[in-house]
Amino acid sequence: MSDFSLNEEIVKLEENKRRDLNIIALYLSERRPDIRNKAQFGIVLKRHLRAARDLSPFEDDQIIESIRKAKEFVPGWTLETLVKILTK
């Protein structure tokens, strides 16, 4: 039995001082991917770090609005999708 909890990991990311990790927490809260253990979680973090760093200079309201647009137009949206929305 795994003691991994995605919700607990999201809280840790939200409480971190690094903005890129806060952005990944927001993404995971919105998308709720099927992550079942620490190893999978590590892969997800690595996968999204670059895009989260690219999003860091944007204001919260800009990121939230880009999430709204992504949900409406791109069913499989990722953080890279948000970067594209905010920079086009």
Foldseek 3Di string as FASTA:
>chain_A
DAPDDPVVCLVVLCPDPDQLSVVVSVQCVVPVDPDDHPVSVVVSCVVRSVLSVLCSVPDPVLQVVLVVVCVVPPVPDDSVSSSVVSPD
